[in-house]
């Protein structure tokens, strides 16, 4: 498979009309747990600051966790991807307007795979800094079956949600709004703003 090691970081499209999300009152604290959640409660989000003047709901929002619409859920759910769980969510907008048919992606699969010799970044205990170039260690990834590394969080920095090219292609085939994928080898600290 030619793209076995082709990975992308998922992030919100740079569009000021798409609101960021924060946890709402009584939102369960599941998304940092390292295992699947049994009998999950509804994930509760609200618009985060700064709230756009005319907010537009999209298929992807960040909180900084990934929150997806039914359009993306319908792509991911049947794939039964190892190490993730799609948790039902509700978003509260302006004037307590509510948006349902959203899901939070709980990614509990973590893989430590940054090639420190080929990357140009500072690797601290649980964070990456001054990222100019990231390269993944193909030997580490190759030792893990592909079906167990289709979506994962980077072990060196869990804010990096990593998607394999095959998953990116599946998601992008439905023309979702608000989501962007950047090839991990093109990722820098400035990529959020492109």
N, C-alpha and C. Protein backbone atom coordinates (compact mmCIF):
# COMPACT_ATOMS: atom_id res chain seq x y z
N UNK A 1 0.85 -1.19 0.00
CA UNK A 1 0.00 0.00 0.00
C UNK A 1 0.89 1.24 0.00
N UNK A 2 0.79 2.06 -1.03
CA UNK A 2 1.66 3.21 -1.20
C UNK A 2 1.49 4.28 -0.14
N UNK A 3 0.31 4.38 0.44
CA UNK A 3 0.08 5.45 1.43
C UNK A 3 -0.03 4.91 2.85
N UNK A 4 0.58 3.76 3.11
CA UNK A 4 0.45 3.15 4.43
C UNK A 4 0.91 4.07 5.55
N UNK A 5 1.89 4.94 5.28
CA UNK A 5 2.43 5.81 6.30
C UNK A 5 2.08 7.28 6.06
N UNK A 6 1.01 7.54 5.30
CA UNK A 6 0.60 8.91 5.03
C UNK A 6 -0.45 9.33 6.05
N UNK A 7 -0.09 10.31 6.87
CA UNK A 7 -0.94 10.76 7.97
C UNK A 7 -1.18 12.26 7.93
N UNK A 8 -2.31 12.64 8.53
CA UNK A 8 -2.75 14.03 8.54
C UNK A 8 -3.19 14.43 9.93
N UNK A 9 -2.98 15.69 10.25
CA UNK A 9 -3.52 16.25 11.49
C UNK A 9 -4.85 16.90 11.13
N UNK A 10 -5.88 16.60 11.91
CA UNK A 10 -7.20 17.20 11.70
C UNK A 10 -7.26 18.50 12.50
N UNK A 11 -7.89 19.50 11.91
CA UNK A 11 -8.11 20.75 12.63
C UNK A 11 -9.24 21.52 11.98
N UNK A 12 -9.69 22.54 12.67
CA UNK A 12 -10.78 23.38 12.21
C UNK A 12 -10.29 24.25 11.07
N UNK A 13 -11.12 24.38 10.06
CA UNK A 13 -10.81 25.27 8.95
C UNK A 13 -10.75 26.69 9.49
N UNK A 14 -9.82 27.48 9.00
CA UNK A 14 -9.67 28.86 9.45
C UNK A 14 -10.81 29.70 8.89
N UNK A 15 -11.93 29.70 9.60
CA UNK A 15 -13.13 30.41 9.18
C UNK A 15 -13.76 31.02 10.42
N UNK A 16 -13.72 32.34 10.51
CA UNK A 16 -14.18 33.03 11.72
C UNK A 16 -15.67 32.95 11.94
N UNK A 17 -16.45 32.44 10.98
CA UNK A 17 -17.89 32.31 11.19
C UNK A 17 -18.26 31.00 11.88
N UNK A 18 -17.32 30.05 11.91
CA UNK A 18 -17.57 28.75 12.56
C UNK A 18 -17.12 28.85 14.01
N UNK A 19 -18.06 28.71 14.95
CA UNK A 19 -17.70 28.91 16.36
C UNK A 19 -16.81 27.80 16.92
N UNK A 20 -15.89 28.22 17.78
CA UNK A 20 -15.16 27.27 18.60
C UNK A 20 -16.13 26.79 19.68
N UNK A 21 -15.81 25.68 20.32
CA UNK A 21 -16.68 25.15 21.36
C UNK A 21 -15.93 25.04 22.68
N UNK A 22 -16.68 25.21 23.75
CA UNK A 22 -16.20 24.94 25.11
C UNK A 22 -17.15 23.92 25.72
N UNK A 23 -16.69 23.26 26.77
CA UNK A 23 -17.58 22.38 27.51
C UNK A 23 -18.67 23.21 28.15
N UNK A 24 -19.89 22.70 28.14
CA UNK A 24 -21.02 23.38 28.77
C UNK A 24 -21.13 22.87 30.21
N UNK A 25 -22.01 23.49 30.99
CA UNK A 25 -22.23 23.04 32.36
C UNK A 25 -22.64 21.58 32.37
N UNK A 26 -22.13 20.84 33.32
CA UNK A 26 -22.45 19.42 33.51
C UNK A 26 -21.98 18.53 32.36
N UNK A 27 -21.04 19.01 31.55
CA UNK A 27 -20.50 18.15 30.48
C UNK A 27 -19.61 17.09 31.12
N UNK A 28 -19.84 15.83 30.81
CA UNK A 28 -18.97 14.78 31.35
C UNK A 28 -17.53 14.98 30.90
N UNK A 29 -16.61 14.62 31.77
CA UNK A 29 -15.18 14.76 31.44
C UNK A 29 -14.68 13.38 30.99
N UNK A 30 -14.97 13.07 29.73
CA UNK A 30 -14.60 11.76 29.19
C UNK A 30 -13.40 11.83 28.26
N UNK A 31 -13.24 12.93 27.56
CA UNK A 31 -12.40 12.93 26.37
C UNK A 31 -10.90 12.81 26.66
N UNK A 32 -10.49 12.88 27.91
CA UNK A 32 -9.08 12.67 28.23
C UNK A 32 -8.83 11.26 28.77
N UNK A 33 -9.88 10.48 28.91
CA UNK A 33 -9.70 9.13 29.45
C UNK A 33 -9.02 8.22 28.42
N UNK A 34 -8.35 7.22 28.93
CA UNK A 34 -7.53 6.36 28.08
C UNK A 34 -8.19 5.04 27.71
N UNK A 35 -9.51 4.99 27.86
CA UNK A 35 -10.25 3.78 27.51
C UNK A 35 -11.64 4.17 27.04
N UNK A 36 -12.36 3.22 26.43
CA UNK A 36 -13.73 3.54 26.01
C UNK A 36 -14.62 3.83 27.22
N UNK A 37 -15.64 4.61 26.99
CA UNK A 37 -16.57 4.99 28.05
C UNK A 37 -17.79 4.07 27.98
N UNK A 38 -18.11 3.43 29.11
CA UNK A 38 -19.30 2.59 29.15
C UNK A 38 -20.51 3.44 29.51
N UNK A 39 -21.61 3.24 28.80
CA UNK A 39 -22.85 3.98 29.03
C UNK A 39 -22.62 5.49 29.13
N UNK A 40 -22.05 6.09 28.07
CA UNK A 40 -21.73 7.52 28.15
C UNK A 40 -22.98 8.40 28.22
N UNK A 41 -22.85 9.49 28.97
CA UNK A 41 -23.90 10.50 29.01
C UNK A 41 -23.69 11.43 27.82
N UNK A 42 -24.70 12.24 27.54
CA UNK A 42 -24.64 13.19 26.45
C UNK A 42 -23.53 14.21 26.71
N UNK A 43 -22.66 14.42 25.71
CA UNK A 43 -21.61 15.43 25.80
C UNK A 43 -22.26 16.79 25.54
N UNK A 44 -21.96 17.76 26.40
CA UNK A 44 -22.60 19.07 26.32
C UNK A 44 -21.57 20.15 26.02
N UNK A 45 -21.78 20.86 24.91
CA UNK A 45 -20.87 21.93 24.51
C UNK A 45 -21.65 23.22 24.33
N UNK A 46 -20.91 24.33 24.36
CA UNK A 46 -21.49 25.63 24.10
C UNK A 46 -20.50 26.41 23.24
N UNK A 47 -20.98 27.48 22.60
CA UNK A 47 -20.09 28.32 21.81
C UNK A 47 -19.00 28.87 22.73
N UNK A 48 -17.76 28.85 22.22
CA UNK A 48 -16.63 29.39 22.97
C UNK A 48 -16.30 30.80 22.50
N UNK A 49 -15.52 31.49 23.31
CA UNK A 49 -15.11 32.86 22.96
C UNK A 49 -13.95 32.84 21.97
N UNK A 50 -13.91 33.76 21.06
CA UNK A 50 -14.92 34.78 20.79
C UNK A 50 -16.05 34.19 19.93
N UNK A 51 -17.29 34.47 20.30
CA UNK A 51 -18.43 33.97 19.54
C UNK A 51 -18.58 34.84 18.29
N UNK A 52 -18.64 34.22 17.09
CA UNK A 52 -18.80 35.00 15.87
C UNK A 52 -20.10 35.80 15.89
N UNK A 53 -20.09 36.94 15.20
CA UNK A 53 -21.28 37.79 15.14
C UNK A 53 -22.46 37.02 14.53
N UNK A 54 -22.21 36.29 13.45
CA UNK A 54 -23.22 35.45 12.81
C UNK A 54 -22.69 34.02 12.72
N UNK A 55 -22.75 33.27 13.83
CA UNK A 55 -22.16 31.92 13.84
C UNK A 55 -22.83 30.99 12.84
N UNK A 56 -21.99 30.15 12.25
CA UNK A 56 -22.46 29.19 11.25
C UNK A 56 -22.06 27.80 11.70
N UNK A 57 -23.05 26.91 11.83
CA UNK A 57 -22.75 25.54 12.23
C UNK A 57 -22.14 24.81 11.04
N UNK A 58 -21.18 23.94 11.35
CA UNK A 58 -20.46 23.21 10.30
C UNK A 58 -20.45 21.73 10.64
N UNK A 59 -19.75 20.96 9.84
CA UNK A 59 -19.65 19.52 10.07
C UNK A 59 -18.53 19.18 11.04
N UNK A 60 -17.66 20.16 11.31
CA UNK A 60 -16.55 19.94 12.24
C UNK A 60 -16.36 21.18 13.10
N UNK A 61 -16.28 20.97 14.41
CA UNK A 61 -15.98 22.03 15.36
C UNK A 61 -14.90 21.48 16.29
N UNK A 62 -14.12 22.39 16.86
CA UNK A 62 -13.12 21.94 17.83
C UNK A 62 -13.39 22.58 19.17
N UNK A 63 -12.96 21.86 20.22
CA UNK A 63 -13.34 22.30 21.57
C UNK A 63 -12.24 22.32 22.63
N UNK A 64 -11.02 21.91 22.50
CA UNK A 64 -10.25 21.55 21.32
C UNK A 64 -10.42 20.11 20.84
N UNK A 65 -11.35 19.38 21.42
CA UNK A 65 -11.62 18.04 20.92
C UNK A 65 -12.42 18.13 19.63
N UNK A 66 -12.44 17.08 18.86
CA UNK A 66 -13.20 17.08 17.61
C UNK A 66 -14.66 16.78 17.86
N UNK A 67 -15.53 17.66 17.36
CA UNK A 67 -16.97 17.47 17.43
C UNK A 67 -17.47 17.48 15.98
N UNK A 68 -18.18 16.41 15.62
CA UNK A 68 -18.56 16.21 14.22
C UNK A 68 -20.08 16.14 14.05
N UNK A 69 -20.52 16.47 12.84
CA UNK A 69 -21.95 16.39 12.50
C UNK A 69 -22.30 14.97 12.07
N UNK A 70 -23.58 14.77 11.82
CA UNK A 70 -24.07 13.47 11.34
C UNK A 70 -23.42 13.09 10.02
N UNK A 71 -23.11 14.06 9.18
CA UNK A 71 -22.48 13.78 7.88
C UNK A 71 -21.16 13.02 8.07
N UNK A 72 -20.31 13.47 8.99
CA UNK A 72 -19.03 12.79 9.24
C UNK A 72 -19.25 11.55 10.08
N UNK A 73 -20.19 11.61 11.03
CA UNK A 73 -20.52 10.43 11.84
C UNK A 73 -20.90 9.26 10.93
N UNK A 74 -21.71 9.54 9.91
CA UNK A 74 -22.16 8.48 9.00
C UNK A 74 -21.02 7.86 8.21
N UNK A 75 -19.92 8.58 8.07
CA UNK A 75 -18.73 8.02 7.43
C UNK A 75 -17.95 7.16 8.42
N UNK A 76 -17.71 7.68 9.62
CA UNK A 76 -16.84 7.00 10.59
C UNK A 76 -17.49 5.81 11.29
N UNK A 77 -18.76 5.93 11.63
CA UNK A 77 -19.42 4.92 12.44
C UNK A 77 -19.34 3.50 11.85
N UNK A 78 -19.68 3.30 10.56
CA UNK A 78 -19.64 1.94 10.04
C UNK A 78 -18.23 1.36 9.92
N UNK A 79 -17.20 2.22 10.00
CA UNK A 79 -15.83 1.72 9.85
C UNK A 79 -15.33 1.02 11.11
N UNK A 80 -16.02 1.24 12.25
CA UNK A 80 -15.65 0.59 13.51
C UNK A 80 -14.14 0.71 13.75
N UNK A 81 -13.67 1.95 13.82
CA UNK A 81 -12.23 2.23 13.90
C UNK A 81 -11.70 1.94 15.30
N UNK A 82 -10.62 1.20 15.34
CA UNK A 82 -9.96 0.83 16.60
C UNK A 82 -9.52 2.09 17.35
N UNK A 83 -9.80 2.12 18.66
CA UNK A 83 -9.26 3.17 19.52
C UNK A 83 -10.02 4.47 19.54
N UNK A 84 -11.22 4.48 18.91
CA UNK A 84 -12.03 5.69 19.00
C UNK A 84 -13.45 5.32 19.42
N UNK A 85 -14.15 6.32 19.92
CA UNK A 85 -15.55 6.14 20.30
C UNK A 85 -16.27 7.43 19.92
N UNK A 86 -17.44 7.30 19.31
CA UNK A 86 -18.23 8.45 18.90
C UNK A 86 -19.32 8.67 19.95
N UNK A 87 -19.20 9.77 20.71
CA UNK A 87 -20.09 10.03 21.83
C UNK A 87 -21.13 11.08 21.45
N UNK A 88 -22.42 10.79 21.64
CA UNK A 88 -23.47 11.76 21.30
C UNK A 88 -23.23 13.09 22.01
N UNK A 89 -23.50 14.18 21.27
CA UNK A 89 -23.24 15.52 21.80
C UNK A 89 -24.36 16.48 21.45
N UNK A 90 -24.44 17.53 22.24
CA UNK A 90 -25.36 18.63 21.98
C UNK A 90 -24.57 19.93 22.13
N UNK A 91 -24.86 20.89 21.24
CA UNK A 91 -24.18 22.18 21.27
C UNK A 91 -25.23 23.26 21.58
N UNK A 92 -24.92 24.09 22.57
CA UNK A 92 -25.80 25.20 22.92
C UNK A 92 -25.22 26.47 22.31
N UNK A 93 -26.03 27.13 21.49
CA UNK A 93 -25.59 28.34 20.82
C UNK A 93 -26.08 29.59 21.52
N UNK A 94 -26.15 30.66 20.76
CA UNK A 94 -26.66 31.93 21.28
C UNK A 94 -28.11 31.79 21.71
N UNK A 95 -28.49 32.53 22.74
CA UNK A 95 -29.88 32.53 23.23
C UNK A 95 -30.38 31.11 23.50
N UNK A 96 -29.47 30.24 23.98
CA UNK A 96 -29.78 28.86 24.34
C UNK A 96 -30.34 28.02 23.18
N UNK A 97 -30.08 28.45 21.96
CA UNK A 97 -30.43 27.62 20.80
C UNK A 97 -29.63 26.33 20.89
N UNK A 98 -30.27 25.19 20.60
CA UNK A 98 -29.58 23.91 20.73
C UNK A 98 -29.44 23.23 19.38
N UNK A 99 -28.27 22.61 19.20
CA UNK A 99 -27.97 21.86 17.98
C UNK A 99 -27.67 20.42 18.39
N UNK A 100 -28.48 19.49 17.88
CA UNK A 100 -28.23 18.07 18.17
C UNK A 100 -27.64 17.45 16.90
N UNK A 101 -27.61 16.16 16.84
CA UNK A 101 -26.99 15.45 15.71
C UNK A 101 -25.51 15.77 15.59
N UNK A 102 -24.84 15.87 16.74
CA UNK A 102 -23.39 16.04 16.79
C UNK A 102 -22.81 14.94 17.67
N UNK A 103 -21.56 14.62 17.43
CA UNK A 103 -20.85 13.60 18.20
C UNK A 103 -19.45 14.10 18.50
N UNK A 104 -18.95 13.80 19.69
CA UNK A 104 -17.56 14.08 20.04
C UNK A 104 -16.75 12.82 19.75
N UNK A 105 -15.58 13.00 19.15
CA UNK A 105 -14.71 11.85 18.88
C UNK A 105 -13.79 11.66 20.09
N UNK A 106 -14.01 10.58 20.80
CA UNK A 106 -13.15 10.21 21.93
C UNK A 106 -12.06 9.31 21.36
N UNK A 107 -10.83 9.84 21.29
CA UNK A 107 -9.70 9.08 20.75
C UNK A 107 -8.84 8.63 21.93
N UNK A 108 -8.92 7.35 22.24
CA UNK A 108 -8.13 6.83 23.36
C UNK A 108 -6.94 6.01 22.89
N UNK A 109 -6.77 5.89 21.60
CA UNK A 109 -5.62 5.22 21.00
C UNK A 109 -4.47 6.23 20.92
N UNK A 110 -3.37 5.96 21.62
CA UNK A 110 -2.21 6.85 21.60
C UNK A 110 -1.00 6.09 21.09
N UNK A 111 -0.25 6.73 20.20
CA UNK A 111 0.95 6.11 19.66
C UNK A 111 2.09 7.13 19.71
N UNK A 112 3.18 6.73 20.31
CA UNK A 112 4.37 7.57 20.36
C UNK A 112 5.24 7.20 19.16
N UNK A 113 5.32 8.09 18.16
CA UNK A 113 5.99 7.69 16.92
C UNK A 113 6.75 8.82 16.22
N UNK A 114 7.00 9.94 16.89
CA UNK A 114 7.76 11.02 16.25
C UNK A 114 9.22 10.58 16.13
N UNK A 115 9.76 10.72 14.92
CA UNK A 115 11.17 10.42 14.68
C UNK A 115 11.96 11.67 15.08
N UNK A 116 12.57 11.64 16.25
CA UNK A 116 13.26 12.81 16.79
C UNK A 116 14.44 13.24 15.91
N UNK A 117 15.09 12.28 15.26
CA UNK A 117 16.26 12.61 14.43
C UNK A 117 15.87 13.33 13.15
N UNK A 118 14.74 12.97 12.55
CA UNK A 118 14.34 13.58 11.28
C UNK A 118 13.39 14.76 11.44
N UNK A 119 12.81 14.93 12.62
CA UNK A 119 11.88 16.04 12.86
C UNK A 119 12.64 17.28 13.29
N UNK A 120 12.03 18.44 13.08
CA UNK A 120 12.59 19.70 13.53
C UNK A 120 11.59 20.32 14.49
N UNK A 121 11.72 19.95 15.77
CA UNK A 121 10.83 20.43 16.81
C UNK A 121 11.47 20.16 18.16
N UNK A 122 10.88 20.73 19.19
CA UNK A 122 11.33 20.48 20.55
C UNK A 122 10.32 19.52 21.17
N UNK A 123 10.80 18.38 21.65
CA UNK A 123 9.94 17.38 22.27
C UNK A 123 10.14 17.45 23.78
N UNK A 124 9.09 17.89 24.48
CA UNK A 124 9.11 17.91 25.95
C UNK A 124 8.36 16.68 26.44
N UNK A 125 8.12 16.59 27.73
CA UNK A 125 7.50 15.40 28.30
C UNK A 125 6.17 15.04 27.65
N UNK A 126 5.24 16.00 27.54
CA UNK A 126 3.93 15.70 26.94
C UNK A 126 3.52 16.74 25.90
N UNK A 127 4.49 17.45 25.33
CA UNK A 127 4.17 18.52 24.38
C UNK A 127 5.25 18.63 23.31
N UNK A 128 4.82 19.10 22.14
CA UNK A 128 5.75 19.46 21.08
C UNK A 128 5.77 20.98 20.96
N UNK A 129 6.95 21.55 20.80
CA UNK A 129 7.11 22.99 20.67
C UNK A 129 7.96 23.32 19.45
N UNK A 130 7.79 24.54 18.96
CA UNK A 130 8.60 25.06 17.85
C UNK A 130 8.64 24.07 16.68
N UNK A 131 7.45 23.60 16.28
CA UNK A 131 7.36 22.59 15.24
C UNK A 131 7.58 23.24 13.87
N UNK A 132 8.66 22.85 13.22
CA UNK A 132 8.94 23.27 11.85
C UNK A 132 8.76 22.11 10.88
N UNK A 133 8.98 20.89 11.41
CA UNK A 133 8.80 19.68 10.60
C UNK A 133 8.60 18.50 11.52
N UNK A 134 7.60 17.65 11.17
CA UNK A 134 7.35 16.41 11.91
C UNK A 134 7.48 15.24 10.95
N UNK A 135 8.21 14.24 11.39
CA UNK A 135 8.34 13.00 10.62
C UNK A 135 8.05 11.86 11.58
N UNK A 136 7.21 10.94 11.14
CA UNK A 136 6.90 9.78 11.96
C UNK A 136 7.88 8.65 11.67
N UNK A 137 8.17 7.87 12.69
CA UNK A 137 9.07 6.72 12.58
C UNK A 137 8.30 5.56 11.94
N UNK A 138 8.65 5.24 10.71
CA UNK A 138 7.95 4.19 9.97
C UNK A 138 8.18 2.80 10.57
N UNK A 139 9.29 2.62 11.23
CA UNK A 139 9.55 1.32 11.87
C UNK A 139 8.58 1.10 13.03
N UNK A 140 8.35 2.14 13.82
CA UNK A 140 7.39 2.02 14.93
C UNK A 140 5.99 1.78 14.36
N UNK A 141 5.58 2.62 13.39
CA UNK A 141 4.25 2.47 12.82
C UNK A 141 4.09 1.12 12.12
N UNK A 142 5.12 0.68 11.43
CA UNK A 142 5.06 -0.60 10.71
C UNK A 142 4.91 -1.80 11.62
N UNK A 143 5.28 -1.64 12.88
CA UNK A 143 5.14 -2.75 13.84
C UNK A 143 3.71 -2.86 14.37
N UNK A 144 2.87 -1.88 14.02
CA UNK A 144 1.46 -1.86 14.46
C UNK A 144 0.59 -2.11 13.24
N UNK A 145 -0.33 -3.07 13.30
CA UNK A 145 -1.21 -3.30 12.14
C UNK A 145 -1.93 -2.01 11.76
N UNK A 146 -2.09 -1.78 10.47
CA UNK A 146 -2.71 -0.55 9.97
C UNK A 146 -4.08 -0.32 10.59
N UNK A 147 -4.87 -1.37 10.77
CA UNK A 147 -6.22 -1.18 11.32
C UNK A 147 -6.20 -0.73 12.78
N UNK A 148 -5.02 -0.72 13.44
CA UNK A 148 -4.91 -0.25 14.82
C UNK A 148 -4.23 1.11 14.90
N UNK A 149 -4.05 1.74 13.73
CA UNK A 149 -3.45 3.08 13.71
C UNK A 149 -4.08 3.97 12.65
N UNK A 150 -5.37 3.76 12.39
CA UNK A 150 -6.08 4.60 11.41
C UNK A 150 -6.37 5.99 11.98
N UNK A 151 -6.71 6.06 13.26
CA UNK A 151 -6.87 7.32 13.98
C UNK A 151 -6.22 7.15 15.34
N UNK A 152 -5.40 8.12 15.73
CA UNK A 152 -4.78 8.06 17.05
C UNK A 152 -4.36 9.45 17.50
N UNK A 153 -4.08 9.55 18.79
CA UNK A 153 -3.46 10.76 19.34
C UNK A 153 -1.97 10.50 19.43
N UNK A 154 -1.21 11.54 19.18
CA UNK A 154 0.24 11.41 19.25
C UNK A 154 0.67 11.24 20.70
N UNK A 155 1.45 10.21 20.97
CA UNK A 155 1.91 9.95 22.34
C UNK A 155 2.77 11.07 22.89
N UNK A 156 3.48 11.78 22.02
CA UNK A 156 4.33 12.89 22.46
C UNK A 156 3.53 14.15 22.79
N UNK A 157 2.33 14.28 22.21
CA UNK A 157 1.50 15.48 22.42
C UNK A 157 0.07 15.11 22.04
N UNK A 158 -0.78 14.87 23.04
CA UNK A 158 -2.11 14.34 22.76
C UNK A 158 -3.04 15.34 22.09
N UNK A 159 -2.62 16.60 21.94
CA UNK A 159 -3.46 17.56 21.20
C UNK A 159 -3.40 17.27 19.70
N UNK A 160 -2.45 16.46 19.26
CA UNK A 160 -2.35 16.08 17.86
C UNK A 160 -3.24 14.87 17.61
N UNK A 161 -4.36 15.10 16.89
CA UNK A 161 -5.26 14.03 16.49
C UNK A 161 -4.87 13.64 15.06
N UNK A 162 -4.44 12.40 14.89
CA UNK A 162 -3.82 11.96 13.63
C UNK A 162 -4.76 11.00 12.90
N UNK A 163 -4.96 11.26 11.60
CA UNK A 163 -5.85 10.46 10.76
C UNK A 163 -5.06 9.91 9.57
N UNK A 164 -5.23 8.63 9.31
CA UNK A 164 -4.61 8.00 8.15
C UNK A 164 -5.27 8.51 6.86
N UNK A 165 -4.52 8.53 5.78
CA UNK A 165 -5.03 9.03 4.50
C UNK A 165 -6.33 8.36 4.08
N UNK A 166 -6.48 7.07 4.32
CA UNK A 166 -7.71 6.37 3.92
C UNK A 166 -8.93 6.94 4.64
N UNK A 167 -8.77 7.34 5.90
CA UNK A 167 -9.87 7.93 6.66
C UNK A 167 -10.13 9.35 6.18
N UNK A 168 -9.06 10.09 5.92
CA UNK A 168 -9.19 11.45 5.37
C UNK A 168 -9.97 11.41 4.05
N UNK A 169 -9.59 10.49 3.17
CA UNK A 169 -10.28 10.38 1.87
C UNK A 169 -11.76 10.06 2.05
N UNK A 170 -12.07 9.17 2.98
CA UNK A 170 -13.48 8.81 3.24
C UNK A 170 -14.26 10.01 3.74
N UNK A 171 -13.69 10.75 4.67
CA UNK A 171 -14.38 11.92 5.21
C UNK A 171 -14.56 12.99 4.14
N UNK A 172 -13.50 13.27 3.40
CA UNK A 172 -13.57 14.35 2.41
C UNK A 172 -14.48 14.00 1.23
N UNK A 173 -14.78 12.72 1.04
CA UNK A 173 -15.65 12.31 -0.07
C UNK A 173 -17.08 12.83 0.10
N UNK A 174 -17.46 13.24 1.33
CA UNK A 174 -18.81 13.75 1.55
C UNK A 174 -18.85 15.28 1.61
N UNK A 175 -17.74 15.93 1.24
CA UNK A 175 -17.65 17.40 1.20
C UNK A 175 -18.08 18.07 2.50
N UNK A 176 -17.43 17.73 3.61
CA UNK A 176 -17.82 18.35 4.88
C UNK A 176 -17.36 19.80 4.98
N UNK A 177 -18.08 20.57 5.78
CA UNK A 177 -17.73 21.98 6.01
C UNK A 177 -16.98 22.12 7.33
N UNK A 178 -15.99 22.99 7.34
CA UNK A 178 -15.32 23.38 8.57
C UNK A 178 -14.14 22.53 8.98
N UNK A 179 -13.84 21.48 8.24
CA UNK A 179 -12.76 20.57 8.61
C UNK A 179 -11.59 20.74 7.65
N UNK A 180 -10.40 20.60 8.19
CA UNK A 180 -9.21 20.67 7.36
C UNK A 180 -8.23 19.59 7.83
N UNK A 181 -7.54 19.01 6.88
CA UNK A 181 -6.50 18.04 7.18
C UNK A 181 -5.20 18.56 6.59
N UNK A 182 -4.13 18.52 7.38
CA UNK A 182 -2.81 18.93 6.90
C UNK A 182 -1.88 17.73 7.03
N UNK A 183 -1.21 17.40 5.92
CA UNK A 183 -0.24 16.30 5.95
C UNK A 183 0.74 16.55 7.07
N UNK A 184 1.00 15.53 7.88
CA UNK A 184 1.82 15.72 9.07
C UNK A 184 3.22 16.21 8.72
N UNK A 185 3.73 15.84 7.56
CA UNK A 185 5.07 16.29 7.19
C UNK A 185 5.08 17.73 6.69
N UNK A 186 3.89 18.31 6.47
CA UNK A 186 3.78 19.72 6.10
C UNK A 186 3.35 20.58 7.29
N UNK A 187 3.07 19.93 8.43
CA UNK A 187 2.56 20.64 9.59
C UNK A 187 3.64 21.49 10.25
N UNK A 188 3.29 22.74 10.60
CA UNK A 188 4.16 23.60 11.41
C UNK A 188 3.28 24.28 12.44
N UNK A 189 3.89 25.03 13.33
CA UNK A 189 3.12 25.75 14.34
C UNK A 189 2.16 26.77 13.71
N UNK A 190 2.41 27.18 12.46
CA UNK A 190 1.54 28.15 11.80
C UNK A 190 0.41 27.55 10.99
N UNK A 191 0.30 26.23 10.93
CA UNK A 191 -0.69 25.58 10.05
C UNK A 191 -2.13 25.86 10.44
N UNK A 192 -2.40 26.15 11.71
CA UNK A 192 -3.78 26.46 12.12
C UNK A 192 -4.30 27.69 11.40
N UNK A 193 -3.38 28.58 11.00
CA UNK A 193 -3.80 29.87 10.45
C UNK A 193 -3.80 29.92 8.93
N UNK A 194 -3.50 28.81 8.28
CA UNK A 194 -3.50 28.78 6.80
C UNK A 194 -4.86 28.46 6.26
